[in-house]
């Protein structure tokens, strides 16, 4: 049985696909924000329930943390992604300077990099000549091959917004469920479904089956919530003993 291919390999299809160039992927930011959003709000629900506090406390703490933590995560992701972008630009500036000042040394670096990939003789020299004849290609090649940086830096703004949106959307599920259904069990079920759903969706970009990826994310998220519930319950019992 012939397997379906992910894209066409006709000459025209290849030309059009390569012309579009590589695209930045913000899946990591969505997964990161979604899991943490659901963990954060359900941990609050579980913690408040463990301490036997009122639903008003859940409402106040839940929404305060939902937006505060969401913005904090988005800002952190924005800053981290921007730092990666700035580092890439810094490396390009370094390589431009080196190419200007010591072009022969930079050509030798290209030669050794591609020799390590198995090229030799006339083929190797042709590669060195082609790459070093284009300053932009030369600097970008060095950034990728020498420093291991991504040739398609991601947008810091889109990374931050993706994290924030996923945090809010997934974080609302256990919180709203608890407030509307009025119970920890319902919120736990909703949080579990959210964790599993995020993991299952993530499997589309991995080799793991949906059930395994979903189960892994489910276990991670519910473990964090269980810790919050246990700590809150333990502190409540300790406080009662100290008062008594």
C-alpha atoms as a PDB file:
ATOM      1  CA  UNK A   1       0.000   0.000   0.000  1.00  0.00           C
ATOM      2  CA  UNK A   2       1.449   3.340  -1.085  1.00  0.00           C
ATOM      3  CA  UNK A   3       1.709   5.948   1.661  1.00  0.00           C
ATOM      4  CA  UNK A   4       0.349   9.452   1.132  1.00  0.00           C
ATOM      5  CA  UNK A   5       2.990  12.158   0.825  1.00  0.00           C
ATOM      6  CA  UNK A   6       2.866  15.435   2.738  1.00  0.00           C
ATOM      7  CA  UNK A   7       3.364  17.535  -0.412  1.00  0.00           C
ATOM      8  CA  UNK A   8       3.766  17.206  -4.169  1.00  0.00           C
ATOM      9  CA  UNK A   9       7.164  16.682  -5.785  1.00  0.00           C
ATOM     10  CA  UNK A  10       6.469  17.947  -9.295  1.00  0.00           C
ATOM     11  CA  UNK A  11       8.928  20.504 -10.651  1.00  0.00           C
ATOM     12  CA  UNK A  12       6.399  23.358 -10.418  1.00  0.00           C
ATOM     13  CA  UNK A  13       5.195  22.381  -6.933  1.00  0.00           C
ATOM     14  CA  UNK A  14       8.766  22.249  -5.644  1.00  0.00           C
ATOM     15  CA  UNK A  15       9.532  25.645  -7.183  1.00  0.00           C
ATOM     16  CA  UNK A  16       6.476  27.259  -5.589  1.00  0.00           C
ATOM     17  CA  UNK A  17       7.088  25.671  -2.188  1.00  0.00           C
ATOM     18  CA  UNK A  18      10.743  26.714  -2.047  1.00  0.00           C
ATOM     19  CA  UNK A  19       9.868  30.231  -3.247  1.00  0.00           C
ATOM     20  CA  UNK A  20       7.656  30.676  -0.182  1.00  0.00           C
ATOM     21  CA  UNK A  21      10.655  29.917   1.998  1.00  0.00           C
ATOM     22  CA  UNK A  22      10.696  28.396   5.484  1.00  0.00           C
ATOM     23  CA  UNK A  23       8.106  29.669   7.967  1.00  0.00           C
ATOM     24  CA  UNK A  24       8.544  30.292  11.649  1.00  0.00           C
ATOM     25  CA  UNK A  25       6.632  27.904  13.901  1.00  0.00           C
ATOM     26  CA  UNK A  26       4.882  29.093  17.063  1.00  0.00           C
ATOM     27  CA  UNK A  27       3.598  25.680  18.163  1.00  0.00           C
ATOM     28  CA  UNK A  28       6.011  25.617  21.105  1.00  0.00           C
ATOM     29  CA  UNK A  29       4.607  28.921  22.355  1.00  0.00           C
ATOM     30  CA  UNK A  30       1.016  27.655  22.165  1.00  0.00           C
ATOM     31  CA  UNK A  31       1.829  24.403  23.945  1.00  0.00           C
ATOM     32  CA  UNK A  32       3.863  26.207  26.578  1.00  0.00           C
ATOM     33  CA  UNK A  33       1.114  28.759  27.263  1.00  0.00           C
ATOM     34  CA  UNK A  34      -1.770  26.287  27.074  1.00  0.00           C
ATOM     35  CA  UNK A  35      -0.352  23.761  29.511  1.00  0.00           C
ATOM     36  CA  UNK A  36       0.803  26.388  31.975  1.00  0.00           C
ATOM     37  CA  UNK A  37      -2.513  28.235  31.791  1.00  0.00           C
ATOM     38  CA  UNK A  38      -4.531  25.144  32.622  1.00  0.00           C
ATOM     39  CA  UNK A  39      -2.066  24.086  35.329  1.00  0.00           C
ATOM     40  CA  UNK A  40      -2.047  27.533  36.929  1.00  0.00           C
ATOM     41  CA  UNK A  41      -5.799  28.011  37.205  1.00  0.00           C
ATOM     42  CA  UNK A  42      -6.585  24.434  38.157  1.00  0.00           C
ATOM     43  CA  UNK A  43      -3.806  24.528  40.748  1.00  0.00           C
ATOM     44  CA  UNK A  44      -5.554  27.566  42.254  1.00  0.00           C
ATOM     45  CA  UNK A  45      -8.894  25.777  42.189  1.00  0.00           C
ATOM     46  CA  UNK A  46      -7.380  22.659  43.734  1.00  0.00           C
ATOM     47  CA  UNK A  47      -5.461  24.664  46.305  1.00  0.00           C
ATOM     48  CA  UNK A  48      -8.494  26.696  47.372  1.00  0.00           C
ATOM     49  CA  UNK A  49     -10.616  23.556  47.500  1.00  0.00           C
ATOM     50  CA  UNK A  50      -7.951  21.823  49.587  1.00  0.00           C
ATOM     51  CA  UNK A  51      -8.013  24.726  52.044  1.00  0.00           C
ATOM     52  CA  UNK A  52     -11.846  24.747  51.956  1.00  0.00           C
ATOM     53  CA  UNK A  53     -12.076  28.413  51.012  1.00  0.00           C
ATOM     54  CA  UNK A  54     -15.084  30.041  49.341  1.00  0.00           C
ATOM     55  CA  UNK A  55     -15.863  30.249  45.638  1.00  0.00           C
ATOM     56  CA  UNK A  56     -15.309  34.004  45.851  1.00  0.00           C
ATOM     57  CA  UNK A  57     -11.665  33.362  46.650  1.00  0.00           C
ATOM     58  CA  UNK A  58     -11.415  31.101  43.591  1.00  0.00           C
ATOM     59  CA  UNK A  59     -12.968  33.826  41.450  1.00  0.00           C
ATOM     60  CA  UNK A  60     -10.632  36.556  42.676  1.00  0.00           C
ATOM     61  CA  UNK A  61      -7.429  34.531  42.755  1.00  0.00           C
ATOM     62  CA  UNK A  62      -8.271  32.632  39.590  1.00  0.00           C
ATOM     63  CA  UNK A  63      -8.865  35.618  37.326  1.00  0.00           C
ATOM     64  CA  UNK A  64      -6.118  37.708  38.935  1.00  0.00           C
ATOM     65  CA  UNK A  65      -3.567  34.957  38.343  1.00  0.00           C
ATOM     66  CA  UNK A  66      -4.985  34.118  34.927  1.00  0.00           C
ATOM     67  CA  UNK A  67      -4.216  37.548  33.509  1.00  0.00           C
ATOM     68  CA  UNK A  68      -1.186  38.388  35.657  1.00  0.00           C
ATOM     69  CA  UNK A  69       0.575  35.092  34.979  1.00  0.00           C
ATOM     70  CA  UNK A  70      -0.522  35.135  31.340  1.00  0.00           C
ATOM     71  CA  UNK A  71       1.008  38.571  30.813  1.00  0.00           C
ATOM     72  CA  UNK A  72       4.134  37.589  32.739  1.00  0.00           C
ATOM     73  CA  UNK A  73       4.634  34.474  30.615  1.00  0.00           C
ATOM     74  CA  UNK A  74       3.974  36.389  27.411  1.00  0.00           C
ATOM     75  CA  UNK A  75       6.457  39.093  28.405  1.00  0.00           C
ATOM     76  CA  UNK A  76       9.074  36.498  29.343  1.00  0.00           C
ATOM     77  CA  UNK A  77       8.607  34.642  26.074  1.00  0.00           C
ATOM     78  CA  UNK A  78       8.738  37.931  24.146  1.00  0.00           C
ATOM     79  CA  UNK A  79      12.005  38.901  25.852  1.00  0.00           C
ATOM     80  CA  UNK A  80      13.532  35.461  25.377  1.00  0.00           C
ATOM     81  CA  UNK A  81      12.593  35.275  21.695  1.00  0.00           C
ATOM     82  CA  UNK A  82      13.821  38.833  21.116  1.00  0.00           C
ATOM     83  CA  UNK A  83      17.117  37.897  22.746  1.00  0.00           C
ATOM     84  CA  UNK A  84      17.471  35.033  20.263  1.00  0.00           C
ATOM     85  CA  UNK A  85      16.770  37.432  17.391  1.00  0.00           C
ATOM     86  CA  UNK A  86      19.263  39.983  18.730  1.00  0.00           C
ATOM     87  CA  UNK A  87      21.892  37.277  19.111  1.00  0.00           C
ATOM     88  CA  UNK A  88      21.385  36.246  15.478  1.00  0.00           C
ATOM     89  CA  UNK A  89      21.841  39.851  14.309  1.00  0.00           C
ATOM     90  CA  UNK A  90      24.920  40.200  16.538  1.00  0.00           C
ATOM     91  CA  UNK A  91      26.495  37.130  14.965  1.00  0.00           C
ATOM     92  CA  UNK A  92      25.773  38.442  11.457  1.00  0.00           C
ATOM     93  CA  UNK A  93      27.567  41.686  12.346  1.00  0.00           C
ATOM     94  CA  UNK A  94      30.561  39.715  13.659  1.00  0.00           C
ATOM     95  CA  UNK A  95      30.771  37.632  10.505  1.00  0.00           C
ATOM     96  CA  UNK A  96      30.489  40.698   8.240  1.00  0.00           C
ATOM     97  CA  UNK A  97      33.414  42.259  10.105  1.00  0.00           C
ATOM     98  CA  UNK A  98      35.484  39.092   9.871  1.00  0.00           C
ATOM     99  CA  UNK A  99      34.741  38.673   6.176  1.00  0.00           C
ATOM    100  CA  UNK A 100      35.875  42.251   5.571  1.00  0.00           C
ATOM    101  CA  UNK A 101      39.031  41.998   7.678  1.00  0.00           C
ATOM    102  CA  UNK A 102      40.146  38.390   7.155  1.00  0.00           C
ATOM    103  CA  UNK A 103      38.344  37.032   4.064  1.00  0.00           C
ATOM    104  CA  UNK A 104      40.873  34.238   3.529  1.00  0.00           C
ATOM    105  CA  UNK A 105      40.352  32.997   7.066  1.00  0.00           C
ATOM    106  CA  UNK A 106      36.585  33.008   6.614  1.00  0.00           C
ATOM    107  CA  UNK A 107      36.918  31.092   3.331  1.00  0.00           C
ATOM    108  CA  UNK A 108      39.008  28.530   5.145  1.00  0.00           C
ATOM    109  CA  UNK A 109      36.240  28.185   7.738  1.00  0.00           C
ATOM    110  CA  UNK A 110      33.731  27.497   4.948  1.00  0.00           C
ATOM    111  CA  UNK A 111      36.166  25.015   3.417  1.00  0.00           C
ATOM    112  CA  UNK A 112      36.610  23.091   6.667  1.00  0.00           C
ATOM    113  CA  UNK A 113      32.891  23.145   7.502  1.00  0.00           C
ATOM    114  CA  UNK A 114      31.920  21.539   4.195  1.00  0.00           C
ATOM    115  CA  UNK A 115      34.939  19.232   4.171  1.00  0.00           C
ATOM    116  CA  UNK A 116      33.569  17.828   7.434  1.00  0.00           C
ATOM    117  CA  UNK A 117      30.302  17.152   5.593  1.00  0.00           C
ATOM    118  CA  UNK A 118      32.134  14.926   3.111  1.00  0.00           C
ATOM    119  CA  UNK A 119      32.933  17.311   0.233  1.00  0.00           C
ATOM    120  CA  UNK A 120      36.426  17.357  -1.240  1.00  0.00           C
ATOM    121  CA  UNK A 121      38.469  18.334  -4.289  1.00  0.00           C
ATOM    122  CA  UNK A 122      36.849  20.445  -6.991  1.00  0.00           C
ATOM    123  CA  UNK A 123      33.383  20.055  -5.476  1.00  0.00           C
ATOM    124  CA  UNK A 124      34.578  21.525  -2.188  1.00  0.00           C
ATOM    125  CA  UNK A 125      36.354  24.439  -3.864  1.00  0.00           C
ATOM    126  CA  UNK A 126      33.290  25.165  -5.981  1.00  0.00           C
ATOM    127  CA  UNK A 127      31.144  25.340  -2.834  1.00  0.00           C
ATOM    128  CA  UNK A 128      33.623  27.731  -1.201  1.00  0.00           C
ATOM    129  CA  UNK A 129      33.648  29.936  -4.302  1.00  0.00           C
ATOM    130  CA  UNK A 130      29.863  30.065  -4.636  1.00  0.00           C
ATOM    131  CA  UNK A 131      29.205  30.823  -0.968  1.00  0.00           C
ATOM    132  CA  UNK A 132      31.984  33.397  -0.590  1.00  0.00           C
ATOM    133  CA  UNK A 133      30.865  35.253  -3.729  1.00  0.00           C
ATOM    134  CA  UNK A 134      27.622  36.315  -2.019  1.00  0.00           C
ATOM    135  CA  UNK A 135      28.201  38.307   1.220  1.00  0.00           C
ATOM    136  CA  UNK A 136      24.665  37.686   2.513  1.00  0.00           C
ATOM    137  CA  UNK A 137      24.822  33.944   1.837  1.00  0.00           C
ATOM    138  CA  UNK A 138      28.311  33.864   3.342  1.00  0.00           C
ATOM    139  CA  UNK A 139      27.325  35.510   6.649  1.00  0.00           C
ATOM    140  CA  UNK A 140      24.104  33.518   6.991  1.00  0.00           C
ATOM    141  CA  UNK A 141      25.932  30.263   6.282  1.00  0.00           C
ATOM    142  CA  UNK A 142      28.445  31.045   9.025  1.00  0.00           C
ATOM    143  CA  UNK A 143      25.675  31.921  11.486  1.00  0.00           C
ATOM    144  CA  UNK A 144      24.018  28.554  10.876  1.00  0.00           C
ATOM    145  CA  UNK A 145      27.053  26.313  10.484  1.00  0.00           C
ATOM    146  CA  UNK A 146      29.496  27.869  12.972  1.00  0.00           C
ATOM    147  CA  UNK A 147      27.111  29.126  15.660  1.00  0.00           C
ATOM    148  CA  UNK A 148      24.171  26.756  15.169  1.00  0.00           C
ATOM    149  CA  UNK A 149      21.599  29.567  14.956  1.00  0.00           C
ATOM    150  CA  UNK A 150      18.270  29.322  13.160  1.00  0.00           C
ATOM    151  CA  UNK A 151      18.200  30.910   9.683  1.00  0.00           C
ATOM    152  CA  UNK A 152      14.543  31.937  10.236  1.00  0.00           C
ATOM    153  CA  UNK A 153      14.384  33.912  13.504  1.00  0.00           C
ATOM    154  CA  UNK A 154      10.889  34.005  14.986  1.00  0.00           C
ATOM    155  CA  UNK A 155       8.854  37.123  15.718  1.00  0.00           C
ATOM    156  CA  UNK A 156       9.091  38.032  19.407  1.00  0.00           C
ATOM    157  CA  UNK A 157       5.659  39.685  19.282  1.00  0.00           C
ATOM    158  CA  UNK A 158       3.938  36.650  17.750  1.00  0.00           C
ATOM    159  CA  UNK A 159       5.674  34.341  20.209  1.00  0.00           C
ATOM    160  CA  UNK A 160       4.451  36.412  23.163  1.00  0.00           C
ATOM    161  CA  UNK A 161       0.916  36.762  21.808  1.00  0.00           C
ATOM    162  CA  UNK A 162       0.703  33.024  21.088  1.00  0.00           C
ATOM    163  CA  UNK A 163       1.686  32.198  24.657  1.00  0.00           C
ATOM    164  CA  UNK A 164      -0.756  34.725  26.128  1.00  0.00           C
ATOM    165  CA  UNK A 165      -3.699  33.588  23.974  1.00  0.00           C
ATOM    166  CA  UNK A 166      -3.141  29.911  24.740  1.00  0.00           C
ATOM    167  CA  UNK A 167      -2.692  30.657  28.451  1.00  0.00           C
ATOM    168  CA  UNK A 168      -5.994  32.551  28.652  1.00  0.00           C
ATOM    169  CA  UNK A 169      -8.007  30.087  26.563  1.00  0.00           C
ATOM    170  CA  UNK A 170      -6.824  26.933  28.332  1.00  0.00           C
ATOM    171  CA  UNK A 171      -6.677  28.599  31.724  1.00  0.00           C
ATOM    172  CA  UNK A 172     -10.325  29.625  31.564  1.00  0.00           C
ATOM    173  CA  UNK A 173     -11.543  26.034  31.170  1.00  0.00           C
ATOM    174  CA  UNK A 174     -10.992  24.666  34.713  1.00  0.00           C
ATOM    175  CA  UNK A 175     -11.789  28.032  36.295  1.00  0.00           C
ATOM    176  CA  UNK A 176     -15.106  28.603  34.513  1.00  0.00           C
ATOM    177  CA  UNK A 177     -16.067  24.953  34.991  1.00  0.00           C
ATOM    178  CA  UNK A 178     -15.505  25.190  38.741  1.00  0.00           C
ATOM    179  CA  UNK A 179     -17.505  28.398  39.065  1.00  0.00           C
ATOM    180  CA  UNK A 180     -20.394  27.219  36.884  1.00  0.00           C
ATOM    181  CA  UNK A 181     -20.576  23.582  37.974  1.00  0.00           C
ATOM    182  CA  UNK A 182     -19.556  24.430  41.524  1.00  0.00           C
ATOM    183  CA  UNK A 183     -17.280  21.495  42.198  1.00  0.00           C
ATOM    184  CA  UNK A 184     -13.688  20.370  42.202  1.00  0.00           C
ATOM    185  CA  UNK A 185     -14.494  17.122  40.408  1.00  0.00           C
ATOM    186  CA  UNK A 186     -16.010  18.931  37.425  1.00  0.00           C
ATOM    187  CA  UNK A 187     -13.054  21.304  37.263  1.00  0.00           C
ATOM    188  CA  UNK A 188     -10.607  18.398  37.489  1.00  0.00           C
ATOM    189  CA  UNK A 189     -12.378  16.625  34.641  1.00  0.00           C
ATOM    190  CA  UNK A 190     -12.317  19.788  32.494  1.00  0.00           C
ATOM    191  CA  UNK A 191      -8.638  20.355  33.269  1.00  0.00           C
ATOM    192  CA  UNK A 192      -7.839  16.754  32.414  1.00  0.00           C
ATOM    193  CA  UNK A 193      -9.640  17.036  29.084  1.00  0.00           C
ATOM    194  CA  UNK A 194      -7.731  20.247  28.370  1.00  0.00           C
ATOM    195  CA  UNK A 195      -4.367  18.661  29.173  1.00  0.00           C
ATOM    196  CA  UNK A 196      -5.138  15.620  27.064  1.00  0.00           C
ATOM    197  CA  UNK A 197      -6.431  17.784  24.205  1.00  0.00           C
ATOM    198  CA  UNK A 198      -3.325  19.963  24.154  1.00  0.00           C
ATOM    199  CA  UNK A 199      -1.124  16.876  24.118  1.00  0.00           C
ATOM    200  CA  UNK A 200      -3.182  15.196  21.399  1.00  0.00           C
ATOM    201  CA  UNK A 201      -3.004  18.284  19.201  1.00  0.00           C
ATOM    202  CA  UNK A 202       0.757  18.457  19.797  1.00  0.00           C
ATOM    203  CA  UNK A 203       1.116  14.964  18.351  1.00  0.00           C
ATOM    204  CA  UNK A 204       0.327  16.319  14.872  1.00  0.00           C
ATOM    205  CA  UNK A 205       3.836  17.783  14.866  1.00  0.00           C
ATOM    206  CA  UNK A 206       5.586  14.740  16.318  1.00  0.00           C
ATOM    207  CA  UNK A 207       5.969  11.025  15.687  1.00  0.00           C
ATOM    208  CA  UNK A 208       4.137  10.075  18.899  1.00  0.00           C
ATOM    209  CA  UNK A 209       0.523   8.868  18.568  1.00  0.00           C
ATOM    210  CA  UNK A 210      -2.195  11.225  19.818  1.00  0.00           C
ATOM    211  CA  UNK A 211      -3.145   9.051  22.792  1.00  0.00           C
ATOM    212  CA  UNK A 212       0.437   8.830  24.065  1.00  0.00           C
ATOM    213  CA  UNK A 213       1.150  12.530  23.680  1.00  0.00           C
ATOM    214  CA  UNK A 214      -2.204  13.368  25.279  1.00  0.00           C
ATOM    215  CA  UNK A 215      -1.640  10.991  28.175  1.00  0.00           C
ATOM    216  CA  UNK A 216       1.840  12.383  28.823  1.00  0.00           C
ATOM    217  CA  UNK A 217       0.529  15.954  28.985  1.00  0.00           C
ATOM    218  CA  UNK A 218      -2.419  14.814  31.112  1.00  0.00           C
ATOM    219  CA  UNK A 219      -0.105  13.217  33.681  1.00  0.00           C
ATOM    220  CA  UNK A 220       2.175  16.272  33.821  1.00  0.00           C
ATOM    221  CA  UNK A 221      -0.697  18.702  34.317  1.00  0.00           C
ATOM    222  CA  UNK A 222      -2.641  16.652  36.835  1.00  0.00           C
ATOM    223  CA  UNK A 223       0.504  15.957  38.849  1.00  0.00           C
ATOM    224  CA  UNK A 224       1.097  19.687  39.250  1.00  0.00           C
ATOM    225  CA  UNK A 225      -2.501  20.205  40.354  1.00  0.00           C
ATOM    226  CA  UNK A 226      -2.276  17.303  42.811  1.00  0.00           C
ATOM    227  CA  UNK A 227       0.784  18.890  44.420  1.00  0.00           C
ATOM    228  CA  UNK A 228      -1.082  22.189  44.842  1.00  0.00           C
ATOM    229  CA  UNK A 229      -4.056  20.408  46.419  1.00  0.00           C
ATOM    230  CA  UNK A 230      -1.826  18.415  48.800  1.00  0.00           C
ATOM    231  CA  UNK A 231       0.134  21.493  49.909  1.00  0.00           C
ATOM    232  CA  UNK A 232      -3.031  23.511  50.534  1.00  0.00           C
ATOM    233  CA  UNK A 233      -4.695  20.674  52.408  1.00  0.00           C
ATOM    234  CA  UNK A 234      -1.557  20.122  54.503  1.00  0.00           C
ATOM    235  CA  UNK A 235      -1.185  23.819  55.342  1.00  0.00           C
ATOM    236  CA  UNK A 236      -4.835  24.005  56.347  1.00  0.00           C
ATOM    237  CA  UNK A 237      -4.410  21.028  58.706  1.00  0.00           C
ATOM    238  CA  UNK A 238      -1.175  22.475  60.111  1.00  0.00           C
ATOM    239  CA  UNK A 239      -2.814  25.833  60.708  1.00  0.00           C
ATOM    240  CA  UNK A 240      -5.710  24.213  62.553  1.00  0.00           C
ATOM    241  CA  UNK A 241      -3.301  22.261  64.743  1.00  0.00           C
ATOM    242  CA  UNK A 242      -1.301  25.376  65.577  1.00  0.00           C
ATOM    243  CA  UNK A 243      -4.448  27.292  66.488  1.00  0.00           C
ATOM    244  CA  UNK A 244      -5.712  24.412  68.625  1.00  0.00           C
END
